[in-house]
Amino acid sequence: MTSSHRGSPPRPGEISLAHHGVLFLDEFPEFSRAALEALREPLETGRITIARAAQRAEFPARFQLIAAMNPCPCGFWGSAQQRCRCTPDQVARYQRKLSGPLLDRIDLHVEVPALPAAQLLAASRADATQAESTAQIRARVVRAHALACERQGIPNQGLQGPAIDRHLQLAPAAKTLVQSAAARLGWSGRSLHRVLKVARTIADLADSAHTETPHVAEAVQYRRALLAPQ
């Protein structure tokens, strides 16, 4: 996702152009494997390095990645609305386009099931009268961000190593829960740290000084395995 012409100096591509913004990738597995794997460095470090024969360039690339995908090529694997036409091998091959190391670097994995038309229309009418406004949500997010920065000098996303343990303020029962989830779901160390930082953010949104069991439980739910067994 960098841009250049053969023989010319490397130039910023979509990743760097999204610096301090949002990079939205629809039909996530349809991108080339090379393009997907190129996301790993900037998601981890906030920058991307391009090296060619006698040239090396580094570009800023600290962005929020939002990606959307179907569960399978036909889009209906696991659907209660329509039967999936894909074979198990086709589903597995489609989902394997997203590597484990790449998924490790994405904080939230959220399944959005399709709704029947009648339920979708009913939900829209209810949302019009009951949903929080964007201004209300923004106020909560701004306050949570301010709490984190006041506590540790940086947003929760920037915590690394011992700083995670120091500022997490993890309750004993919450620690037991996250250890159990990590063992059961086979998380890597990177996945575990990302779940803990999400849990700390949920605690900040709830104006809680400590990260409690409900905060960890919610963070775990955002990282459930959504893909088919392979």
C-alpha atoms as a PDB file:
ATOM      1  CA  MET A   1       0.000   0.000   0.000  1.00  0.00           C
ATOM      2  CA  THR A   2       2.819   2.300  -0.881  1.00  0.00           C
ATOM      3  CA  SER A   3       3.026   4.227  -4.094  1.00  0.00           C
ATOM      4  CA  SER A   4       5.933   4.603  -6.494  1.00  0.00           C
ATOM      5  CA  HIS A   5       6.984   4.090 -10.094  1.00  0.00           C
ATOM      6  CA  ARG A   6       9.831   1.726 -10.913  1.00  0.00           C
ATOM      7  CA  GLY A   7      13.115   3.602 -10.560  1.00  0.00           C
ATOM      8  CA  SER A   8      11.591   6.581  -8.777  1.00  0.00           C
ATOM      9  CA  PRO A   9      11.869   7.341  -5.047  1.00  0.00           C
ATOM     10  CA  PRO A  10       9.236   5.676  -2.822  1.00  0.00           C
ATOM     11  CA  ARG A  11       6.203   7.854  -2.193  1.00  0.00           C
ATOM     12  CA  PRO A  12       3.506   7.671   0.503  1.00  0.00           C
ATOM     13  CA  GLY A  13       0.626   5.313  -0.254  1.00  0.00           C
ATOM     14  CA  GLU A  14      -2.746   4.783   1.393  1.00  0.00           C
ATOM     15  CA  ILE A  15      -1.225   3.737   4.712  1.00  0.00           C
ATOM     16  CA  SER A  16       0.699   6.986   5.182  1.00  0.00           C
ATOM     17  CA  LEU A  17      -2.037   9.129   3.657  1.00  0.00           C
ATOM     18  CA  ALA A  18      -4.280   7.820   6.462  1.00  0.00           C
ATOM     19  CA  HIS A  19      -1.805   9.036   9.130  1.00  0.00           C
ATOM     20  CA  HIS A  20      -3.787  10.381  12.126  1.00  0.00           C
ATOM     21  CA  GLY A  21      -6.977   9.304  10.377  1.00  0.00           C
ATOM     22  CA  VAL A  22      -8.986   6.204   9.498  1.00  0.00           C
ATOM     23  CA  LEU A  23      -8.048   3.583   6.915  1.00  0.00           C
ATOM     24  CA  PHE A  24     -11.153   1.598   5.907  1.00  0.00           C
ATOM     25  CA  LEU A  25     -10.635  -1.598   3.935  1.00  0.00           C
ATOM     26  CA  ASP A  26     -13.789  -3.296   2.668  1.00  0.00           C
ATOM     27  CA  GLU A  27     -13.723  -6.951   1.545  1.00  0.00           C
ATOM     28  CA  PHE A  28     -10.577  -7.347   3.654  1.00  0.00           C
ATOM     29  CA  PRO A  29      -9.450 -10.808   2.417  1.00  0.00           C
ATOM     30  CA  GLU A  30      -9.707  -9.705  -1.215  1.00  0.00           C
ATOM     31  CA  PHE A  31      -6.588  -7.546  -0.921  1.00  0.00           C
ATOM     32  CA  SER A  32      -3.323  -9.173  -1.961  1.00  0.00           C
ATOM     33  CA  ARG A  33      -1.410 -11.059   0.720  1.00  0.00           C
ATOM     34  CA  ALA A  34       1.536  -8.677   0.308  1.00  0.00           C
ATOM     35  CA  ALA A  35      -0.690  -5.639   0.899  1.00  0.00           C
ATOM     36  CA  LEU A  36      -2.277  -7.218   3.982  1.00  0.00           C
ATOM     37  CA  GLU A  37       1.055  -8.221   5.497  1.00  0.00           C
ATOM     38  CA  ALA A  38       2.377  -4.697   4.858  1.00  0.00           C
ATOM     39  CA  LEU A  39      -0.111  -3.534   7.505  1.00  0.00           C
ATOM     40  CA  ARG A  40       1.707  -5.385  10.276  1.00  0.00           C
ATOM     41  CA  GLU A  41       4.603  -2.940  10.700  1.00  0.00           C
ATOM     42  CA  PRO A  42       2.564   0.292  10.845  1.00  0.00           C
ATOM     43  CA  LEU A  43      -0.084  -1.250  13.124  1.00  0.00           C
ATOM     44  CA  GLU A  44       2.713  -2.130  15.542  1.00  0.00           C
ATOM     45  CA  THR A  45       5.034   0.874  15.239  1.00  0.00           C
ATOM     46  CA  GLY A  46       3.052   3.722  13.649  1.00  0.00           C
ATOM     47  CA  ARG A  47       5.451   3.979  10.703  1.00  0.00           C
ATOM     48  CA  ILE A  48       6.315   2.059   7.553  1.00  0.00           C
ATOM     49  CA  THR A  49       9.725   1.494   6.000  1.00  0.00           C
ATOM     50  CA  ILE A  50      10.213   0.999   2.262  1.00  0.00           C
ATOM     51  CA  ALA A  51      13.558  -0.401   1.092  1.00  0.00           C
ATOM     52  CA  ARG A  52      14.687  -0.688  -2.506  1.00  0.00           C
ATOM     53  CA  ALA A  53      18.047  -1.369  -4.127  1.00  0.00           C
ATOM     54  CA  ALA A  54      19.877   1.775  -3.043  1.00  0.00           C
ATOM     55  CA  GLN A  55      17.071   3.645  -1.328  1.00  0.00           C
ATOM     56  CA  ARG A  56      15.370   3.448   2.019  1.00  0.00           C
ATOM     57  CA  ALA A  57      12.475   5.647   3.102  1.00  0.00           C
ATOM     58  CA  GLU A  58      10.387   5.767   6.250  1.00  0.00           C
ATOM     59  CA  PHE A  59       6.903   7.298   6.369  1.00  0.00           C
ATOM     60  CA  PRO A  60       4.579   8.049   9.302  1.00  0.00           C
ATOM     61  CA  ALA A  61       1.597   5.704   9.434  1.00  0.00           C
ATOM     62  CA  ARG A  62      -0.295   5.904  12.713  1.00  0.00           C
ATOM     63  CA  PHE A  63      -3.905   5.326  11.686  1.00  0.00           C
ATOM     64  CA  GLN A  64      -7.049   3.610  12.890  1.00  0.00           C
ATOM     65  CA  LEU A  65      -7.712   0.515  10.799  1.00  0.00           C
ATOM     66  CA  ILE A  66     -11.321  -0.504  10.206  1.00  0.00           C
ATOM     67  CA  ALA A  67     -11.794  -3.569   8.032  1.00  0.00           C
ATOM     68  CA  ALA A  68     -14.926  -5.411   6.919  1.00  0.00           C
ATOM     69  CA  MET A  69     -15.218  -8.894   5.488  1.00  0.00           C
ATOM     70  CA  ASN A  70     -17.676 -11.645   4.679  1.00  0.00           C
ATOM     71  CA  PRO A  71     -17.209 -14.958   6.506  1.00  0.00           C
ATOM     72  CA  CYS A  72     -16.816 -16.836   3.206  1.00  0.00           C
ATOM     73  CA  PRO A  73     -16.767 -16.207  -0.571  1.00  0.00           C
ATOM     74  CA  CYS A  74     -20.560 -16.331  -0.939  1.00  0.00           C
ATOM     75  CA  GLY A  75     -21.124 -14.361   2.274  1.00  0.00           C
ATOM     76  CA  PHE A  76     -23.544 -16.743   4.011  1.00  0.00           C
ATOM     77  CA  TRP A  77     -21.387 -19.036   6.153  1.00  0.00           C
ATOM     78  CA  GLY A  78     -23.094 -19.253   9.565  1.00  0.00           C
ATOM     79  CA  SER A  79     -26.146 -17.287   8.368  1.00  0.00           C
ATOM     80  CA  ALA A  80     -29.632 -18.183   9.569  1.00  0.00           C
ATOM     81  CA  GLN A  81     -31.132 -16.352   6.574  1.00  0.00           C
ATOM     82  CA  GLN A  82     -29.636 -18.206   3.635  1.00  0.00           C
ATOM     83  CA  ARG A  83     -27.665 -21.388   3.096  1.00  0.00           C
ATOM     84  CA  CYS A  84     -23.932 -21.083   2.426  1.00  0.00           C
ATOM     85  CA  ARG A  85     -22.906 -22.423  -1.004  1.00  0.00           C
ATOM     86  CA  CYS A  86     -19.210 -22.774  -0.154  1.00  0.00           C
ATOM     87  CA  THR A  87     -17.367 -25.984   0.657  1.00  0.00           C
ATOM     88  CA  PRO A  88     -15.450 -26.191   3.955  1.00  0.00           C
ATOM     89  CA  ASP A  89     -12.211 -26.004   1.979  1.00  0.00           C
ATOM     90  CA  GLN A  90     -13.343 -22.836   0.209  1.00  0.00           C
ATOM     91  CA  VAL A  91     -14.292 -21.214   3.527  1.00  0.00           C
ATOM     92  CA  ALA A  92     -10.976 -22.165   5.124  1.00  0.00           C
ATOM     93  CA  ARG A  93      -8.946 -20.992   2.112  1.00  0.00           C
ATOM     94  CA  TYR A  94     -10.789 -17.654   2.056  1.00  0.00           C
ATOM     95  CA  GLN A  95     -10.268 -17.038   5.762  1.00  0.00           C
ATOM     96  CA  ARG A  96      -6.605 -18.108   5.705  1.00  0.00           C
ATOM     97  CA  LYS A  97      -5.884 -15.018   3.625  1.00  0.00           C
ATOM     98  CA  LEU A  98      -5.782 -13.209   6.974  1.00  0.00           C
ATOM     99  CA  SER A  99      -2.707 -14.393   8.849  1.00  0.00           C
ATOM    100  CA  GLY A 100      -2.570 -14.904  12.599  1.00  0.00           C
ATOM    101  CA  PRO A 101       0.094 -12.192  13.089  1.00  0.00           C
ATOM    102  CA  LEU A 102      -2.107  -9.675  11.256  1.00  0.00           C
ATOM    103  CA  LEU A 103      -5.224 -10.578  13.270  1.00  0.00           C
ATOM    104  CA  ASP A 104      -3.133 -10.319  16.451  1.00  0.00           C
ATOM    105  CA  ARG A 105      -2.635  -6.632  15.703  1.00  0.00           C
ATOM    106  CA  ILE A 106      -6.358  -5.824  15.361  1.00  0.00           C
ATOM    107  CA  ASP A 107      -7.893  -4.968  18.742  1.00  0.00           C
ATOM    108  CA  LEU A 108     -11.579  -5.692  18.153  1.00  0.00           C
ATOM    109  CA  HIS A 109     -13.054  -8.604  16.199  1.00  0.00           C
ATOM    110  CA  VAL A 110     -16.796  -7.998  16.040  1.00  0.00           C
ATOM    111  CA  GLU A 111     -19.338 -10.172  14.249  1.00  0.00           C
ATOM    112  CA  VAL A 112     -22.306  -8.302  12.757  1.00  0.00           C
ATOM    113  CA  PRO A 113     -25.011 -10.833  11.817  1.00  0.00           C
ATOM    114  CA  ALA A 114     -27.515 -10.093   9.064  1.00  0.00           C
ATOM    115  CA  LEU A 115     -30.994  -9.151  10.289  1.00  0.00           C
ATOM    116  CA  PRO A 116     -34.323  -9.957   8.624  1.00  0.00           C
ATOM    117  CA  ALA A 117     -35.889  -6.923   6.971  1.00  0.00           C
ATOM    118  CA  ALA A 118     -38.740  -6.692   9.511  1.00  0.00           C
ATOM    119  CA  GLN A 119     -36.337  -6.759  12.444  1.00  0.00           C
ATOM    120  CA  LEU A 120     -34.020  -4.250  10.789  1.00  0.00           C
ATOM    121  CA  LEU A 121     -36.889  -1.775  10.237  1.00  0.00           C
ATOM    122  CA  ALA A 122     -38.109  -2.245  13.808  1.00  0.00           C
ATOM    123  CA  ALA A 123     -34.605  -1.644  15.123  1.00  0.00           C
ATOM    124  CA  SER A 124     -34.312   1.529  13.055  1.00  0.00           C
ATOM    125  CA  ARG A 125     -37.528   2.919  14.530  1.00  0.00           C
ATOM    126  CA  ALA A 126     -36.374   2.092  18.070  1.00  0.00           C
ATOM    127  CA  ASP A 127     -32.919   3.572  17.484  1.00  0.00           C
ATOM    128  CA  ALA A 128     -34.444   6.853  16.354  1.00  0.00           C
ATOM    129  CA  THR A 129     -35.905   7.419  19.814  1.00  0.00           C
ATOM    130  CA  GLN A 130     -33.554   5.515  22.157  1.00  0.00           C
ATOM    131  CA  ALA A 131     -30.025   5.710  20.768  1.00  0.00           C
ATOM    132  CA  GLU A 132     -27.328   7.929  22.246  1.00  0.00           C
ATOM    133  CA  SER A 133     -26.494  10.919  20.118  1.00  0.00           C
ATOM    134  CA  THR A 134     -23.076  11.263  18.502  1.00  0.00           C
ATOM    135  CA  ALA A 135     -22.390  14.250  20.776  1.00  0.00           C
ATOM    136  CA  GLN A 136     -23.083  12.174  23.896  1.00  0.00           C
ATOM    137  CA  ILE A 137     -20.832   9.351  22.746  1.00  0.00           C
ATOM    138  CA  ARG A 138     -18.086  11.805  21.805  1.00  0.00           C
ATOM    139  CA  ALA A 139     -18.223  13.392  25.267  1.00  0.00           C
ATOM    140  CA  ARG A 140     -17.744   9.994  26.937  1.00  0.00           C
ATOM    141  CA  VAL A 141     -14.855   9.122  24.642  1.00  0.00           C
ATOM    142  CA  VAL A 142     -13.117  12.471  25.174  1.00  0.00           C
ATOM    143  CA  ARG A 143     -13.430  12.067  28.947  1.00  0.00           C
ATOM    144  CA  ALA A 144     -12.038   8.513  28.875  1.00  0.00           C
ATOM    145  CA  HIS A 145      -9.121   9.655  26.700  1.00  0.00           C
ATOM    146  CA  ALA A 146      -8.410  12.506  29.114  1.00  0.00           C
ATOM    147  CA  LEU A 147      -8.471  10.119  32.113  1.00  0.00           C
ATOM    148  CA  ALA A 148      -5.932   7.831  30.462  1.00  0.00           C
ATOM    149  CA  CYS A 149      -3.602  10.675  29.504  1.00  0.00           C
ATOM    150  CA  GLU A 150      -3.851  12.200  32.982  1.00  0.00           C
ATOM    151  CA  ARG A 151      -3.025   8.852  34.598  1.00  0.00           C
ATOM    152  CA  GLN A 152      -0.117   7.751  32.406  1.00  0.00           C
ATOM    153  CA  GLY A 153       0.728  10.559  29.968  1.00  0.00           C
ATOM    154  CA  ILE A 154      -0.348   8.629  26.848  1.00  0.00           C
ATOM    155  CA  PRO A 155      -3.527   6.934  25.580  1.00  0.00           C
ATOM    156  CA  ASN A 156      -4.058   3.303  26.572  1.00  0.00           C
ATOM    157  CA  GLN A 157      -3.164   2.180  23.053  1.00  0.00           C
ATOM    158  CA  GLY A 158       0.398   3.405  23.602  1.00  0.00           C
ATOM    159  CA  LEU A 159       1.073   1.381  26.765  1.00  0.00           C
ATOM    160  CA  GLN A 160       3.866  -1.146  26.397  1.00  0.00           C
ATOM    161  CA  GLY A 161       5.512  -3.785  28.589  1.00  0.00           C
ATOM    162  CA  PRO A 162       5.571  -3.080  32.351  1.00  0.00           C
ATOM    163  CA  ALA A 163       3.506   0.090  31.865  1.00  0.00           C
ATOM    164  CA  ILE A 164       0.497  -2.075  31.017  1.00  0.00           C
ATOM    165  CA  ASP A 165       0.675  -3.863  34.381  1.00  0.00           C
ATOM    166  CA  ARG A 166       1.404  -0.632  36.246  1.00  0.00           C
ATOM    167  CA  HIS A 167      -1.583   1.304  34.946  1.00  0.00           C
ATOM    168  CA  LEU A 168      -4.050  -1.511  34.415  1.00  0.00           C
ATOM    169  CA  GLN A 169      -5.032  -1.737  38.107  1.00  0.00           C
ATOM    170  CA  LEU A 170      -6.401  -5.227  37.410  1.00  0.00           C
ATOM    171  CA  ALA A 171      -8.706  -6.662  40.082  1.00  0.00           C
ATOM    172  CA  PRO A 172      -7.785 -10.229  41.233  1.00  0.00           C
ATOM    173  CA  ALA A 173     -10.969 -11.807  39.830  1.00  0.00           C
ATOM    174  CA  ALA A 174     -10.452  -9.984  36.528  1.00  0.00           C
ATOM    175  CA  LYS A 175      -6.879 -11.317  36.353  1.00  0.00           C
ATOM    176  CA  THR A 176      -8.139 -14.862  36.832  1.00  0.00           C
ATOM    177  CA  LEU A 177     -10.719 -14.379  34.070  1.00  0.00           C
ATOM    178  CA  VAL A 178      -8.271 -13.042  31.505  1.00  0.00           C
ATOM    179  CA  GLN A 179      -5.721 -15.775  32.267  1.00  0.00           C
ATOM    180  CA  SER A 180      -8.404 -18.414  31.762  1.00  0.00           C
ATOM    181  CA  ALA A 181      -9.573 -16.832  28.492  1.00  0.00           C
ATOM    182  CA  ALA A 182      -6.005 -16.545  27.165  1.00  0.00           C
ATOM    183  CA  ALA A 183      -5.324 -20.230  27.869  1.00  0.00           C
ATOM    184  CA  ARG A 184      -8.654 -21.422  26.460  1.00  0.00           C
ATOM    185  CA  LEU A 185      -8.473 -19.343  23.274  1.00  0.00           C
ATOM    186  CA  GLY A 186      -4.743 -19.781  22.679  1.00  0.00           C
ATOM    187  CA  TRP A 187      -3.884 -16.086  22.621  1.00  0.00           C
ATOM    188  CA  SER A 188      -0.392 -14.873  21.866  1.00  0.00           C
ATOM    189  CA  GLY A 189       1.277 -12.403  24.218  1.00  0.00           C
ATOM    190  CA  ARG A 190       0.413  -9.619  21.774  1.00  0.00           C
ATOM    191  CA  SER A 191      -3.275 -10.614  21.804  1.00  0.00           C
ATOM    192  CA  LEU A 192      -3.323 -10.712  25.599  1.00  0.00           C
ATOM    193  CA  HIS A 193      -1.815  -7.231  25.889  1.00  0.00           C
ATOM    194  CA  ARG A 194      -4.300  -5.824  23.381  1.00  0.00           C
ATOM    195  CA  VAL A 195      -7.229  -7.298  25.303  1.00  0.00           C
ATOM    196  CA  LEU A 196      -5.898  -5.796  28.533  1.00  0.00           C
ATOM    197  CA  LYS A 197      -5.588  -2.347  26.945  1.00  0.00           C
ATOM    198  CA  VAL A 198      -9.132  -2.586  25.584  1.00  0.00           C
ATOM    199  CA  ALA A 199     -10.328  -3.606  29.074  1.00  0.00           C
ATOM    200  CA  ARG A 200      -8.545  -0.586  30.575  1.00  0.00           C
ATOM    201  CA  THR A 201     -10.304   1.656  28.044  1.00  0.00           C
ATOM    202  CA  ILE A 202     -13.684   0.118  28.901  1.00  0.00           C
ATOM    203  CA  ALA A 203     -12.935   0.812  32.576  1.00  0.00           C
ATOM    204  CA  ASP A 204     -12.096   4.426  31.736  1.00  0.00           C
ATOM    205  CA  LEU A 205     -15.380   4.778  29.820  1.00  0.00           C
ATOM    206  CA  ALA A 206     -17.109   3.550  32.981  1.00  0.00           C
ATOM    207  CA  ASP A 207     -15.076   6.041  35.089  1.00  0.00           C
ATOM    208  CA  SER A 208     -13.592   3.158  37.095  1.00  0.00           C
ATOM    209  CA  ALA A 209     -10.195   3.478  38.790  1.00  0.00           C
ATOM    210  CA  HIS A 210      -9.645  -0.293  38.556  1.00  0.00           C
ATOM    211  CA  THR A 211     -10.111  -2.727  35.688  1.00  0.00           C
ATOM    212  CA  GLU A 212     -12.781  -5.067  37.004  1.00  0.00           C
ATOM    213  CA  THR A 213     -14.191  -8.410  35.856  1.00  0.00           C
ATOM    214  CA  PRO A 214     -17.036  -6.897  33.735  1.00  0.00           C
ATOM    215  CA  HIS A 215     -14.518  -4.742  31.865  1.00  0.00           C
ATOM    216  CA  VAL A 216     -12.316  -7.755  31.080  1.00  0.00           C
ATOM    217  CA  ALA A 217     -15.338  -9.884  30.141  1.00  0.00           C
ATOM    218  CA  GLU A 218     -16.484  -7.268  27.632  1.00  0.00           C
ATOM    219  CA  ALA A 219     -12.988  -6.972  26.141  1.00  0.00           C
ATOM    220  CA  VAL A 220     -12.788 -10.766  25.775  1.00  0.00           C
ATOM    221  CA  GLN A 221     -16.108 -10.764  23.907  1.00  0.00           C
ATOM    222  CA  TYR A 222     -14.619  -8.331  21.409  1.00  0.00           C
ATOM    223  CA  ARG A 223     -11.866 -10.833  20.608  1.00  0.00           C
ATOM    224  CA  ARG A 224     -13.775 -14.068  20.175  1.00  0.00           C
ATOM    225  CA  ALA A 225     -12.767 -16.376  17.340  1.00  0.00           C
ATOM    226  CA  LEU A 226     -15.195 -15.480  14.575  1.00  0.00           C
ATOM    227  CA  LEU A 227     -13.687 -17.588  11.814  1.00  0.00           C
ATOM    228  CA  ALA A 228     -14.495 -21.150  10.862  1.00  0.00           C
ATOM    229  CA  PRO A 229     -12.378 -23.976  12.321  1.00  0.00           C
ATOM    230  CA  GLN A 230      -9.502 -24.773   9.974  1.00  0.00           C
END
